[in-house]
Protein backbone atom coordinates (compact mmCIF):
# COMPACT_ATOMS: atom_id res chain seq x y z
CA UNK A 1 -0.03 -0.04 0.27
CA UNK A 2 1.12 4.15 -0.80
CA UNK A 3 0.98 5.70 2.39
CA UNK A 4 2.52 8.61 0.52
CA UNK A 5 -1.15 9.73 -0.97
CA UNK A 6 -3.13 8.89 2.22
CA UNK A 7 -3.51 12.72 3.27
CA UNK A 8 -4.69 12.98 -0.28
CA UNK A 9 -6.98 10.35 -0.03
CA UNK A 10 -8.22 11.71 3.11
CA UNK A 11 -9.39 14.93 1.58
CA UNK A 12 -11.86 13.35 -0.22
CA UNK A 13 -13.48 11.26 2.26
CA UNK A 14 -15.76 11.99 4.88
CA UNK A 15 -17.70 10.82 7.38
CA UNK A 16 -18.22 6.90 7.45
CA UNK A 17 -16.28 6.90 4.74
CA UNK A 18 -12.88 7.85 6.64
CA UNK A 19 -13.80 5.42 9.23
CA UNK A 20 -14.25 2.78 6.68
CA UNK A 21 -11.28 4.00 4.86
CA UNK A 22 -8.88 3.50 8.57
CA UNK A 23 -10.03 0.14 9.35
CA UNK A 24 -9.77 -1.40 5.56
CA UNK A 25 -6.22 0.33 6.11
CA UNK A 26 -5.73 -1.12 9.81
CA UNK A 27 -6.57 -4.59 8.85
CA UNK A 28 -4.38 -4.83 5.59
CA UNK A 29 -0.99 -3.80 7.83
CA UNK A 30 -1.95 -6.27 10.10
CA UNK A 31 -2.67 -9.68 7.52
CA UNK A 32 0.68 -8.09 6.30
CA UNK A 33 2.69 -8.25 9.02
CA UNK A 34 1.12 -11.56 9.59
CA UNK A 35 1.64 -12.80 6.72
CA UNK A 36 5.53 -11.42 6.88
CA UNK A 37 5.79 -13.11 10.21
CA UNK A 38 4.70 -16.76 9.18
CA UNK A 39 7.11 -16.70 5.56
CA UNK A 40 9.85 -15.71 8.30
CA UNK A 41 8.07 -18.71 10.11
CA UNK A 42 8.49 -20.62 6.46
CA UNK A 43 12.18 -19.48 6.04
CA UNK A 44 13.59 -20.83 9.26
CA UNK A 45 11.94 -23.93 9.17
CA UNK A 46 13.44 -24.83 5.71
CA UNK A 47 16.82 -22.88 7.21
CA UNK A 48 16.80 -25.82 10.14
CA UNK A 49 17.89 -29.10 9.34
CA UNK A 50 14.72 -31.36 10.27
CA UNK A 51 14.50 -35.02 9.83
CA UNK A 52 11.04 -35.93 8.35
CA UNK A 53 10.35 -39.48 7.78
CA UNK A 54 7.72 -39.97 5.34
CA UNK A 55 8.27 -43.93 5.25
CA UNK A 56 8.79 -45.90 7.78
CA UNK A 57 12.10 -47.67 8.15
CA UNK A 58 11.81 -51.06 8.69
CA UNK A 59 8.45 -51.99 6.42
CA UNK A 60 8.54 -48.79 4.22
CA UNK A 61 4.97 -48.10 5.30
CA UNK A 62 3.29 -44.59 4.65
CA UNK A 63 0.55 -44.59 6.73
CA UNK A 64 2.09 -43.05 9.91
CA UNK A 65 0.28 -41.84 12.67
CA UNK A 66 1.03 -39.39 15.36
CA UNK A 67 0.82 -40.79 19.42
CA UNK A 68 1.95 -38.35 21.76
CA UNK A 69 3.91 -34.98 22.38
CA UNK A 70 7.60 -34.91 24.54
CA UNK A 71 9.67 -32.58 25.58
CA UNK A 72 13.36 -32.61 26.26
CA UNK A 73 13.78 -32.16 29.65
CA UNK A 74 17.96 -32.33 29.25
CA UNK A 75 18.33 -29.36 27.30
CA UNK A 76 15.77 -27.01 25.71
CA UNK A 77 11.94 -27.94 27.10
CA UNK A 78 11.12 -28.06 24.01
CA UNK A 79 8.75 -30.16 22.17
CA UNK A 80 8.59 -33.07 19.88
CA UNK A 81 6.22 -35.91 18.29
CA UNK A 82 6.31 -39.58 19.03
CA UNK A 83 4.81 -41.37 15.74
CA UNK A 84 3.68 -44.95 14.71
CA UNK A 85 3.50 -46.86 11.76
CA UNK A 86 0.30 -48.35 11.12
CA UNK A 87 1.25 -51.40 9.39
CA UNK A 88 3.77 -52.63 11.15
CA UNK A 89 3.88 -50.57 14.95
CA UNK A 90 7.74 -48.88 14.43
CA UNK A 91 8.06 -45.90 16.61
CA UNK A 92 9.83 -42.40 16.08
CA UNK A 93 10.37 -39.22 16.96
CA UNK A 94 9.15 -36.89 13.95
CA UNK A 95 11.19 -34.07 12.94
CA UNK A 96 13.93 -34.21 15.23
CA UNK A 97 16.99 -31.95 14.19
CA UNK A 98 19.55 -33.42 11.75
CA UNK A 99 23.30 -32.58 11.09
CA UNK A 100 24.68 -30.29 13.32
CA UNK A 101 21.46 -29.32 14.59
CA UNK A 102 21.49 -31.89 16.59
CA UNK A 103 24.37 -30.95 18.47
CA UNK A 104 23.11 -28.88 21.07
CA UNK A 105 21.04 -31.22 22.28
CA UNK A 106 24.08 -33.20 23.81
CA UNK A 107 25.83 -30.53 25.23
CA UNK A 108 23.47 -30.06 28.85
CA UNK A 109 25.87 -30.14 31.89
CA UNK A 110 23.79 -32.79 32.99
CA UNK A 111 23.98 -35.22 29.77
CA UNK A 112 25.95 -37.65 31.70
CA UNK A 113 27.35 -40.25 29.05
CA UNK A 114 29.46 -37.12 27.49
CA UNK A 115 30.11 -35.07 30.35
CA UNK A 116 31.17 -38.19 32.99
CA UNK A 117 29.78 -35.50 35.62
CA UNK A 118 29.23 -37.36 39.11
CA UNK A 119 27.44 -33.78 40.38
CA UNK A 120 23.24 -34.64 41.69
CA UNK A 121 21.99 -37.81 42.84
CA UNK A 122 20.99 -39.03 39.35
CA UNK A 123 24.40 -39.05 38.20
CA UNK A 124 26.18 -40.58 41.36
CA UNK A 125 23.53 -43.30 41.09
CA UNK A 126 23.94 -43.68 37.56
CA UNK A 127 28.25 -43.97 38.37
CA UNK A 128 27.66 -46.59 40.86
CA UNK A 129 25.40 -48.72 38.41
CA UNK A 130 27.67 -48.52 35.64
CA UNK A 131 30.47 -49.66 37.26
CA UNK A 132 28.62 -52.88 38.38
CA UNK A 133 27.26 -53.16 34.88
CA UNK A 134 30.72 -53.11 33.37
CA UNK A 135 31.52 -56.07 35.03
CA UNK A 136 28.83 -57.77 33.51
CA UNK A 137 28.54 -56.18 29.72
CA UNK A 138 32.61 -57.81 29.93
CA UNK A 139 31.25 -61.11 31.36
CA UNK A 140 28.07 -61.07 28.31
CA UNK A 141 30.93 -60.65 25.64
CA UNK A 142 33.00 -63.01 26.47
CA UNK A 143 30.08 -65.81 26.87
CA UNK A 144 28.00 -64.65 24.32
CA UNK A 145 30.93 -65.16 21.78
CA UNK A 146 32.81 -67.81 22.94
CA UNK A 147 35.79 -65.73 23.66
CA UNK A 148 38.67 -64.90 25.75
CA UNK A 149 40.17 -62.59 23.43
CA UNK A 150 39.37 -61.30 20.04
CA UNK A 151 38.98 -57.74 18.48
CA UNK A 152 35.57 -55.62 19.06
CA UNK A 153 34.37 -52.46 17.79
CA UNK A 154 32.03 -50.11 20.74
CA UNK A 155 30.16 -47.65 18.24
CA UNK A 156 29.27 -45.00 20.91
CA UNK A 157 31.80 -45.27 23.62
CA UNK A 158 30.90 -42.10 25.10
CA UNK A 159 33.47 -41.98 27.75
CA UNK A 160 35.59 -44.93 26.80
CA UNK A 161 34.75 -46.87 30.57
CA UNK A 162 33.18 -50.22 28.81
CA UNK A 163 35.86 -50.16 25.79
CA UNK A 164 38.66 -49.56 28.41
CA UNK A 165 37.47 -52.43 30.47
CA UNK A 166 37.66 -54.43 27.31
CA UNK A 167 41.32 -53.61 26.81
CA UNK A 168 41.83 -54.79 29.85
CA UNK A 169 40.94 -58.16 29.09
CA UNK A 170 43.34 -58.23 26.69
CA UNK A 171 40.78 -57.49 23.57
CA UNK A 172 41.87 -55.38 20.65
CA UNK A 173 39.00 -52.34 20.79
CA UNK A 174 38.59 -49.82 18.25
CA UNK A 175 36.03 -47.06 19.52
CA UNK A 176 33.74 -44.96 17.47
CA UNK A 177 32.07 -41.38 18.96
CA UNK A 178 30.61 -38.70 17.47
CA UNK A 179 31.17 -36.05 20.09
CA UNK A 180 34.09 -34.44 20.23
CA UNK A 181 34.09 -33.61 24.07
CA UNK A 182 33.97 -37.29 25.39
CA UNK A 183 36.34 -38.40 22.18
CA UNK A 184 38.40 -36.12 24.12
CA UNK A 185 38.00 -37.44 27.15
CA UNK A 186 38.70 -41.33 25.93
CA UNK A 187 41.75 -40.98 24.52
CA UNK A 188 43.17 -38.85 27.58
CA UNK A 189 41.41 -40.61 30.51
CA UNK A 190 42.59 -44.12 28.41
CA UNK A 191 44.41 -43.60 25.98
CA UNK A 192 41.72 -45.15 23.83
CA UNK A 193 41.78 -45.03 19.54
CA UNK A 194 38.49 -43.30 19.21
CA UNK A 195 37.17 -42.49 15.72
CA UNK A 196 34.65 -40.11 15.27
CA UNK A 197 31.46 -41.54 13.38
CA UNK A 198 32.94 -41.31 9.52
CA UNK A 199 34.91 -44.34 10.31
CA UNK A 200 31.84 -46.62 10.40
CA UNK A 201 32.42 -46.00 6.41
CA UNK A 202 36.61 -46.65 6.22
CA UNK A 203 36.71 -49.60 8.09
CA UNK A 204 37.21 -53.09 6.58
CA UNK A 205 34.67 -55.39 6.14
CA UNK A 206 34.82 -58.81 8.22
CA UNK A 207 37.22 -57.17 10.89
CA UNK A 208 36.09 -57.45 14.16
CA UNK A 209 34.23 -60.46 16.22
CA UNK A 210 32.11 -58.48 17.97
CA UNK A 211 30.57 -54.90 17.86
CA UNK A 212 28.45 -53.95 20.83
CA UNK A 213 26.10 -50.38 20.93
CA UNK A 214 25.12 -49.70 24.33
CA UNK A 215 22.27 -47.30 24.61
CA UNK A 216 23.48 -46.51 21.04
CA UNK A 217 21.78 -47.31 18.40
CA UNK A 218 17.87 -45.44 18.57
CA UNK A 219 20.06 -42.01 18.76
CA UNK A 220 21.85 -43.04 14.94
CA UNK A 221 20.17 -40.95 11.94
CA UNK A 222 20.85 -43.57 9.27
CA UNK A 223 19.44 -46.23 10.88
CA UNK A 224 19.07 -48.99 7.55
CA UNK A 225 22.64 -47.95 6.61
CA UNK A 226 23.93 -48.64 9.92
CA UNK A 227 22.30 -52.16 10.13
CA UNK A 228 23.86 -52.32 6.83
CA UNK A 229 27.59 -51.94 7.87
CA UNK A 230 27.43 -53.80 11.05
CA UNK A 231 26.40 -56.89 9.01
CA UNK A 232 29.17 -56.25 6.68
CA UNK A 233 31.62 -55.66 9.43
CA UNK A 234 31.14 -58.54 11.67
CA UNK A 235 33.01 -61.63 10.62
CA UNK A 236 31.27 -64.48 9.82
CA UNK A 237 30.66 -66.16 13.17
CA UNK A 238 30.80 -62.43 14.66
CA UNK A 239 27.85 -61.53 17.40
CA UNK A 240 26.29 -58.12 17.70
CA UNK A 241 25.38 -56.36 20.93
CA UNK A 242 22.89 -53.93 20.99
CA UNK A 243 21.22 -52.34 24.29
CA UNK A 244 18.13 -50.19 23.42
CA UNK A 245 15.13 -49.25 25.40
CA UNK A 246 12.06 -50.74 25.89
CA UNK A 247 8.90 -48.99 25.10
CA UNK A 248 6.66 -51.75 25.70
CA UNK A 249 7.94 -51.82 29.02
CA UNK A 250 5.90 -51.80 32.27
CA UNK A 251 7.59 -48.26 33.28
CA UNK A 252 7.09 -46.99 29.41
CA UNK A 253 3.40 -47.38 29.95
CA UNK A 254 2.96 -46.13 33.48
CA UNK A 255 5.00 -42.94 32.87
CA UNK A 256 3.54 -42.12 28.73
CA UNK A 257 4.84 -39.10 27.33
CA UNK A 258 7.40 -38.61 30.73
CA UNK A 259 9.09 -41.32 30.01
CA UNK A 260 12.63 -40.33 30.67
CA UNK A 261 13.82 -43.14 28.07
CA UNK A 262 11.63 -41.59 25.08
CA UNK A 263 14.55 -38.62 25.64
CA UNK A 264 13.66 -36.42 22.57
CA UNK A 265 14.96 -35.61 20.13
CA UNK A 266 18.18 -37.73 20.70
CA UNK A 267 16.30 -40.44 20.60
CA UNK A 268 15.03 -40.55 16.96
CA UNK A 269 13.93 -44.55 17.18
CA UNK A 270 12.14 -46.44 19.84
CA UNK A 271 12.37 -49.82 20.01
CA UNK A 272 10.58 -53.16 21.22
CA UNK A 273 11.49 -57.12 20.97
CA UNK A 274 9.27 -57.28 18.14
CA UNK A 275 10.52 -54.34 16.23
CA UNK A 276 14.22 -55.06 17.04
CA UNK A 277 13.85 -58.74 15.75
CA UNK A 278 12.21 -57.56 12.37
CA UNK A 279 15.09 -55.40 11.76
CA UNK A 280 17.89 -57.87 12.52
CA UNK A 281 16.18 -60.50 9.97
CA UNK A 282 16.03 -57.31 7.63
CA UNK A 283 19.51 -57.04 7.55
CA UNK A 284 20.42 -60.74 7.61
CA UNK A 285 20.49 -60.79 11.30
CA UNK A 286 19.28 -63.79 13.47
CA UNK A 287 18.38 -62.81 17.36
CA UNK A 288 19.84 -65.80 19.43
CA UNK A 289 19.15 -64.28 22.58
CA UNK A 290 17.46 -61.27 24.59
CA UNK A 291 18.69 -60.02 27.94
CA UNK A 292 16.45 -57.69 30.42
CA UNK A 293 18.57 -55.05 32.05
CA UNK A 294 17.13 -54.50 35.30
CA UNK A 295 18.96 -51.61 37.04
CA UNK A 296 17.42 -49.61 34.03
CA UNK A 297 14.28 -49.50 35.38
CA UNK A 298 14.94 -47.75 38.25
CA UNK A 299 17.05 -45.13 37.11
CA UNK A 300 15.10 -44.63 34.13
CA UNK A 301 11.49 -44.18 36.56
CA UNK A 302 13.76 -41.79 38.86
CA UNK A 303 14.25 -39.59 35.93
CA UNK A 304 10.50 -40.04 34.71
CA UNK A 305 9.02 -38.85 38.71
CA UNK A 306 11.96 -36.11 37.74
CA UNK A 307 10.43 -35.41 34.19
CA UNK A 308 6.52 -35.17 36.07
CA UNK A 309 8.11 -32.27 38.37
CA UNK A 310 7.61 -34.86 41.01
CA UNK A 311 9.34 -33.31 44.84
CA UNK A 312 9.66 -37.14 45.67
CA UNK A 313 11.26 -38.20 42.17
CA UNK A 314 14.16 -40.46 44.04
CA UNK A 315 11.63 -42.65 46.38
CA UNK A 316 8.81 -42.50 43.84
CA UNK A 317 11.20 -42.99 41.06
CA UNK A 318 12.25 -46.55 43.08
CA UNK A 319 9.07 -47.71 43.84
CA UNK A 320 7.74 -47.89 40.12
CA UNK A 321 11.44 -49.28 39.57
CA UNK A 322 11.15 -52.18 42.02
CA UNK A 323 7.62 -52.62 40.27
CA UNK A 324 9.08 -52.80 36.64
CA UNK A 325 11.85 -55.20 38.43
CA UNK A 326 9.56 -57.35 38.97
CA UNK A 327 7.59 -57.33 36.16
CA UNK A 328 10.67 -58.26 33.89
CA UNK A 329 11.62 -61.32 36.29
CA UNK A 330 8.14 -62.45 35.16
CA UNK A 331 8.71 -61.41 31.33
CA UNK A 332 11.69 -59.71 30.07
CA UNK A 333 9.91 -58.50 27.54
CA UNK A 334 8.79 -55.86 29.46
CA UNK A 335 12.44 -54.92 31.09
CA UNK A 336 12.87 -51.38 30.78
CA UNK A 337 15.95 -51.74 28.39
CA UNK A 338 16.93 -55.08 26.67
CA UNK A 339 20.47 -56.18 25.63
CA UNK A 340 19.84 -58.08 22.02
CA UNK A 341 22.67 -60.39 21.18
CA UNK A 342 22.58 -61.19 17.10
CA UNK A 343 24.80 -63.12 15.06
CA UNK A 344 25.13 -63.25 11.28
CA UNK A 345 22.76 -65.51 9.10
CA UNK A 346 24.49 -68.33 6.79
CA UNK A 347 23.96 -68.97 3.65
CA UNK A 348 22.88 -72.24 3.09
CA UNK A 349 24.87 -74.19 0.90
């Protein structure tokens, strides 16, 4: 609108015409302003690198349904939507920040797997449980692989505690970690050979007897590509060990959108025993075994209570964790997190 001509136009208007003119003009200004703000919002959305999932990575179905909205309780307080495939039931976080955009969501001071902080009750509990679980993980690797030593790749090694524990058992260990701060800690603290995420595509096929991903697969944007590489990197008799949260668990059903293991937007993919088995089959694996992770229910329940705003998060979380633990004893598929053991499917001759 050319406002330079407004004084001239007003001379020709009287009474109701002036009021009508002013009303129409102000309305037009408001509409133009709103449109501009909306346009800017669209541009910002286009500029931000976002992972928009249009087809299910498990079954390639395109009938995707909204499930719930969860809040990022670690870093930003932003809200993200959980979607599910109507065909196979696989569940994921929709419109997560992608590429370098996701990095800021890991930079919270209390993101334990990257900072190694011991501040606060929750982090103190985490360290105590981790110390116990390291021994169990080492024992599991040796039992499942039928080896006392071999070559292992730990993907998403974080601050390197597990990789270091395996090296102490005389295993040859390579590790991959995307986060630069965690990678530096692992190198300096344990002198580990830790590479960035690009190394996954550079490693030689058939190089490893064991590959481990401890609560990592749910973070990886290139899910299909990762599964393919895992099969390629293992020896014919090698084993794949993956631990992930289980959203069909007792505690997940109780806390719903406040369940801490949804951990949006860092957790893109949300698994159940059924979908994990299907992913394995799709990529040439056979699920040999799966085991509950009993301590996770306590830790996750405490964090979930904190997400609800509970002032007694420790006590209430411990109570729920105990009930969840009993549920997992009766049926391990109800465990808060599950460890899956996969073997490569051998070609029939």
